[in-house]
Protein backbone atom coordinates (compact mmCIF):
# COMPACT_ATOMS: atom_id res chain seq x y z
CA MET A 1 101.91 67.12 -115.26
CA ARG A 2 100.01 64.20 -115.64
CA TRP A 3 100.12 60.82 -113.87
CA GLU A 4 101.52 57.43 -115.66
CA THR A 5 100.15 53.88 -114.80
CA MET A 6 102.76 51.26 -114.00
CA ALA A 7 102.43 47.78 -115.03
CA THR A 8 101.62 45.06 -112.77
CA PRO A 9 104.52 43.00 -111.49
CA PRO A 10 105.01 40.18 -113.54
CA GLY A 11 105.09 36.67 -112.27
CA VAL A 12 102.64 37.09 -109.51
CA ARG A 13 102.17 34.06 -107.36
CA PRO A 14 100.38 33.35 -104.30
CA PRO A 15 102.61 34.00 -100.90
CA SER A 16 103.45 31.20 -98.80
CA PRO A 17 102.77 32.53 -96.71
CA LEU A 18 104.85 35.84 -96.82
CA THR A 19 106.26 37.18 -100.01
CA VAL A 20 108.18 40.74 -99.76
CA ARG A 21 108.09 42.70 -103.34
CA ALA A 22 110.68 45.82 -103.74
CA GLN A 23 110.13 48.54 -106.68
CA SER A 24 110.88 51.83 -106.76
CA ILE A 25 107.99 54.30 -108.01
CA PRO A 26 108.96 57.19 -109.82
CA PRO A 27 107.05 60.70 -109.09
CA ARG A 28 103.31 60.68 -110.42
CA HIS A 29 103.10 56.96 -111.21
CA ASP A 30 100.70 54.56 -109.78
CA PHE A 31 99.38 51.24 -110.01
CA PRO A 32 95.85 50.72 -111.74
CA GLU A 33 92.93 49.59 -109.52
CA HIS A 34 93.06 45.90 -108.77
CA ALA A 35 92.71 43.40 -105.90
CA HIS A 36 94.39 40.32 -104.88
CA ALA A 37 93.36 36.91 -103.42
CA TRP A 38 95.73 37.54 -100.45
CA HIS A 39 96.42 40.07 -97.99
CA GLN A 40 98.57 42.74 -98.30
CA VAL A 41 100.50 45.54 -96.44
CA VAL A 42 101.56 48.83 -98.15
CA TYR A 43 104.58 50.39 -97.25
CA ALA A 44 107.33 52.50 -98.01
CA ILE A 45 110.85 53.04 -96.71
CA SER A 46 111.37 56.08 -97.84
CA GLY A 47 109.38 58.96 -99.61
CA VAL A 48 105.21 58.99 -99.28
CA LEU A 49 102.62 56.99 -100.97
CA THR A 50 99.17 57.68 -101.73
CA VAL A 51 96.91 54.66 -101.17
CA ALA A 52 93.20 54.59 -102.51
CA VAL A 53 90.88 52.23 -100.95
CA GLU A 54 87.15 51.51 -100.61
CA ALA A 55 86.05 55.08 -101.72
CA ARG A 56 88.96 56.65 -99.02
CA SER A 57 92.23 57.59 -100.24
CA PHE A 58 95.32 59.25 -97.92
CA ALA A 59 98.91 59.55 -97.92
CA ILE A 60 101.39 57.92 -95.86
CA SER A 61 105.16 58.17 -94.85
CA PRO A 62 107.58 55.70 -93.76
CA GLU A 63 106.26 56.05 -89.89
CA GLN A 64 102.90 54.52 -91.85
CA ALA A 65 101.60 51.60 -93.40
CA VAL A 66 98.19 50.40 -95.05
CA TRP A 67 96.58 47.00 -93.99
CA LEU A 68 94.74 45.79 -96.78
CA PRO A 69 92.41 42.62 -96.35
CA THR A 70 92.15 39.59 -98.90
CA GLY A 71 90.12 41.27 -101.81
CA SER A 72 90.31 45.08 -101.13
CA ARG A 73 90.49 46.97 -104.24
CA HIS A 74 92.94 49.65 -104.12
CA ARG A 75 95.44 51.88 -105.91
CA VAL A 76 99.00 52.80 -104.84
CA GLY A 77 101.06 55.66 -106.10
CA SER A 78 103.56 58.16 -105.35
CA LEU A 79 103.60 62.06 -106.04
CA LEU A 80 107.26 62.80 -105.68
CA GLY A 81 108.63 59.14 -105.73
CA ALA A 82 108.95 56.36 -103.09
CA GLU A 83 111.10 53.28 -102.44
CA PHE A 84 108.03 51.16 -101.92
CA ARG A 85 107.79 47.63 -100.15
CA SER A 86 104.53 45.48 -100.38
CA LEU A 87 104.69 42.40 -98.29
CA TRP A 88 101.60 39.87 -99.39
CA ILE A 89 100.33 37.60 -96.73
CA ALA A 90 98.56 34.40 -97.57
CA ASP A 91 94.83 34.38 -96.43
CA GLU A 92 95.13 32.05 -93.58
CA ALA A 93 98.26 33.76 -91.93
CA GLY A 94 96.15 36.74 -91.29
CA THR A 95 94.24 35.33 -88.29
CA GLY A 96 93.59 37.94 -85.91
CA LEU A 97 94.80 40.83 -88.00
CA PRO A 98 91.68 43.58 -89.22
CA ALA A 99 88.84 42.79 -91.61
CA ALA A 100 88.99 46.24 -93.10
CA PRO A 101 91.53 48.72 -94.50
CA THR A 102 93.52 49.96 -91.62
CA VAL A 103 96.25 52.39 -91.41
CA PHE A 104 98.68 51.91 -88.64
CA GLY A 105 102.03 52.90 -87.39
CA VAL A 106 105.41 51.22 -88.26
CA SER A 107 107.85 50.29 -85.17
CA PRO A 108 111.17 50.40 -85.75
CA LEU A 109 111.30 46.94 -85.05
CA LEU A 110 108.66 46.26 -87.86
CA GLN A 111 110.48 48.23 -90.30
CA ALA A 112 113.91 46.61 -89.65
CA LEU A 113 112.23 43.21 -90.26
CA ILE A 114 110.57 44.40 -93.39
CA VAL A 115 113.93 45.49 -94.62
CA GLU A 116 115.56 41.97 -93.54
CA ALA A 117 112.24 39.91 -95.16
CA ALA A 118 112.99 41.87 -98.46
CA GLU A 119 116.93 41.24 -98.23
CA ILE A 120 116.01 37.77 -97.33
CA GLU A 121 113.82 37.21 -100.42
CA GLY A 122 116.44 38.89 -102.58
CA ARG A 123 119.26 36.65 -101.74
CA GLY A 124 117.61 33.36 -101.99
CA ASP A 125 118.61 32.53 -98.48
CA ASP A 126 118.74 28.41 -97.86
CA ASP A 127 118.04 29.26 -93.83
CA ALA A 128 114.36 28.24 -94.10
CA ARG A 129 113.78 28.58 -90.41
CA TYR A 130 115.27 31.66 -90.21
CA ALA A 131 112.81 33.25 -92.75
CA GLY A 132 110.22 31.39 -90.88
CA ARG A 133 111.09 33.33 -87.83
CA VAL A 134 111.54 36.87 -89.51
CA THR A 135 107.94 35.80 -91.06
CA ASP A 136 106.37 34.96 -87.53
CA LEU A 137 107.88 38.45 -86.02
CA ILE A 138 106.44 40.38 -88.94
CA LEU A 139 102.96 39.01 -88.37
CA ASP A 140 103.36 39.23 -84.51
CA GLN A 141 104.12 42.96 -85.13
CA LEU A 142 101.46 43.58 -87.43
CA ARG A 143 99.03 42.07 -84.91
CA ARG A 144 100.43 44.59 -82.21
CA ALA A 145 100.29 47.41 -84.53
CA GLN A 146 98.08 50.48 -83.22
CA PRO A 147 95.89 51.87 -86.00
CA LEU A 148 96.16 55.59 -86.79
CA PRO A 149 92.59 57.55 -87.02
CA GLY A 150 94.72 60.72 -87.90
CA ALA A 151 95.87 59.52 -91.57
CA LEU A 152 96.33 62.02 -93.82
CA PRO A 153 92.84 62.17 -96.11
CA TRP A 154 93.61 62.36 -100.06
CA PRO A 155 91.46 63.04 -102.77
CA ARG A 156 91.02 60.26 -105.41
CA GLU A 157 91.21 62.40 -108.44
CA GLY A 158 89.89 65.63 -110.18
CA PRO A 159 90.23 69.55 -108.98
CA LEU A 160 90.94 68.83 -105.59
CA ALA A 161 93.59 66.38 -105.98
CA ALA A 162 95.40 68.91 -108.28
CA LEU A 163 95.26 71.33 -104.99
CA CYS A 164 96.26 68.96 -102.57
CA GLN A 165 99.51 67.90 -104.60
CA ALA A 166 100.12 71.67 -104.96
CA LEU A 167 100.19 72.06 -101.61
CA TYR A 168 102.01 68.84 -100.51
CA ALA A 169 104.70 70.16 -103.33
CA ASP A 170 104.65 73.86 -101.62
CA PRO A 171 103.28 73.48 -98.01
CA ALA A 172 104.30 77.25 -97.43
CA ASP A 173 101.65 78.39 -100.22
CA ASP A 174 99.37 80.33 -98.11
CA ARG A 175 96.74 81.46 -100.92
CA SER A 176 92.96 81.65 -99.39
CA THR A 177 89.98 79.37 -100.19
CA GLU A 178 88.88 81.99 -102.73
CA GLU A 179 92.14 82.16 -104.39
CA TRP A 180 92.84 78.33 -104.96
CA GLY A 181 88.73 78.28 -105.83
CA ARG A 182 89.84 80.66 -108.42
CA GLU A 183 92.84 78.62 -109.54
CA ILE A 184 90.61 75.24 -110.01
CA GLY A 185 87.95 76.92 -111.69
CA MET A 186 84.74 77.25 -108.74
CA SER A 187 83.91 79.46 -106.16
CA GLY A 188 85.56 79.76 -102.66
CA ARG A 189 81.95 78.39 -101.27
CA THR A 190 81.91 75.43 -103.70
CA LEU A 191 85.42 74.34 -102.90
CA THR A 192 84.58 74.85 -99.10
CA ARG A 193 81.52 72.48 -99.56
CA ARG A 194 83.45 70.03 -101.77
CA PHE A 195 86.56 69.54 -99.91
CA GLU A 196 84.69 68.84 -96.69
CA ALA A 197 81.98 66.54 -98.27
CA GLU A 198 85.22 64.58 -99.59
CA LEU A 199 87.79 64.53 -97.19
CA GLY A 200 85.64 64.92 -94.11
CA MET A 201 87.24 68.35 -92.52
CA SER A 202 87.94 71.91 -93.97
CA LEU A 203 90.81 72.79 -96.18
CA ARG A 204 91.99 74.73 -93.13
CA SER A 205 92.03 72.03 -90.99
CA TRP A 206 93.45 69.71 -93.66
CA ARG A 207 96.51 72.34 -94.50
CA ARG A 208 97.31 72.05 -90.67
CA ARG A 209 97.41 68.54 -90.68
CA LEU A 210 99.44 68.47 -93.84
CA ARG A 211 102.17 70.63 -92.18
CA VAL A 212 102.52 68.29 -89.23
CA PHE A 213 102.48 65.18 -91.85
CA LYS A 214 105.20 66.93 -93.51
CA ALA A 215 107.20 68.27 -90.92
CA ILE A 216 107.50 64.51 -89.56
CA GLU A 217 108.89 63.34 -92.96
CA LEU A 218 111.36 66.26 -93.24
CA LEU A 219 112.59 65.68 -89.74
CA GLY A 220 113.04 62.26 -90.20
CA GLY A 221 114.82 62.98 -93.16
CA GLY A 222 117.01 65.05 -91.13
CA LEU A 223 116.26 68.27 -91.84
CA GLY A 224 116.38 70.65 -88.60
CA VAL A 225 113.77 72.43 -86.72
CA THR A 226 114.40 75.74 -87.74
CA GLN A 227 114.66 74.43 -91.69
CA THR A 228 111.69 72.51 -91.97
CA ALA A 229 109.77 75.37 -89.66
CA MET A 230 111.09 77.70 -92.96
CA GLU A 231 110.02 74.89 -95.78
CA LEU A 232 106.40 74.72 -94.02
CA GLY A 233 105.80 78.63 -94.27
CA TYR A 234 105.92 79.04 -90.42
CA GLY A 235 106.92 82.88 -89.75
CA SER A 236 109.55 81.67 -86.79
CA THR A 237 110.87 78.40 -85.56
CA SER A 238 108.77 79.12 -81.95
CA ALA A 239 105.84 79.11 -84.09
CA PHE A 240 106.26 75.87 -85.84
CA ILE A 241 107.44 74.46 -82.55
CA TYR A 242 104.05 75.73 -80.73
CA ALA A 243 101.64 74.49 -83.78
CA PHE A 244 103.56 70.77 -83.85
CA ARG A 245 103.23 70.26 -80.04
CA THR A 246 99.70 71.31 -80.11
CA ASP A 247 98.91 68.37 -82.28
CA ILE A 248 101.29 65.86 -81.78
CA GLY A 249 101.64 66.48 -77.67
CA ARG A 250 105.28 67.05 -77.82
CA SER A 251 108.19 69.21 -78.97
CA PRO A 252 109.59 68.34 -82.86
CA GLN A 253 112.99 67.30 -80.70
CA ASN A 254 111.22 65.05 -78.08
CA TYR A 255 109.14 63.40 -80.87
CA MET A 256 111.99 62.53 -83.09
CA ARG A 257 113.95 61.18 -79.86
CA GLY A 258 110.97 59.21 -79.25
CA GLN A 259 110.66 57.88 -82.54
CA HIS A 260 114.11 55.81 -82.02
CA GLY A 261 112.37 53.57 -79.27
CA GLN A 262 108.60 53.70 -80.36
CA GLY A 263 106.26 53.22 -83.12
CA ALA A 264 104.69 56.27 -85.12
CA ARG A 265 101.98 58.07 -83.29
CA ALA A 266 98.96 59.59 -84.24
CA ILE A 267 98.16 62.75 -85.82
CA ARG A 268 95.08 64.17 -83.81
């Protein structure tokens, strides 16, 4: 199934100092590569986004967002669909924020502030002082946000993208590297070499990280631990809990309890 390109939003005006745009992205749709004369925060309140910027591409869940400094050329899309919130921030308001594109954890407070900012924008709230306080809190939260070095890398296009899309849709698929190579028209050795060159890790390591990524997404959506383990293809709940604890440092139950009072933690 091919991807469809979405039109850029009409009536684009520079933020002063912050504008929030709310939009739904249908499955397998993306915006064409573009850049802004202002900073941007890419965030989904539900679903998963793929973000391509500066020869890198990765997937982010609602526990993560991407900071894009002024002038960063990027492309945003979604494999399965997402509710998208885009924060446009005036260049001069970005003091103290990273100079390079960064994936960071979204705290419950920042998530609530983004939702509130979108609501205010939609209502045309006359209380400018309140809107200003919300904006100031968002900027403070962005400056306090912690970078996540463990974001899930994602191929930009081609057969590796098709492979990763298939595994994302069905993380329980346990076909070998050789089997996947035949599926996408290359030898297992070539697939291994190209995957490591483009994504910086082996297919096996990527699949392990994908399962953790998907586990957080499924658990956050209310699925139970046992159901999540089965969806991800683990042979037992205990095997899933062990793998999750190995990567995250906590059990799935403890991790999700902690998310109610803390921001996202990096996937190591």
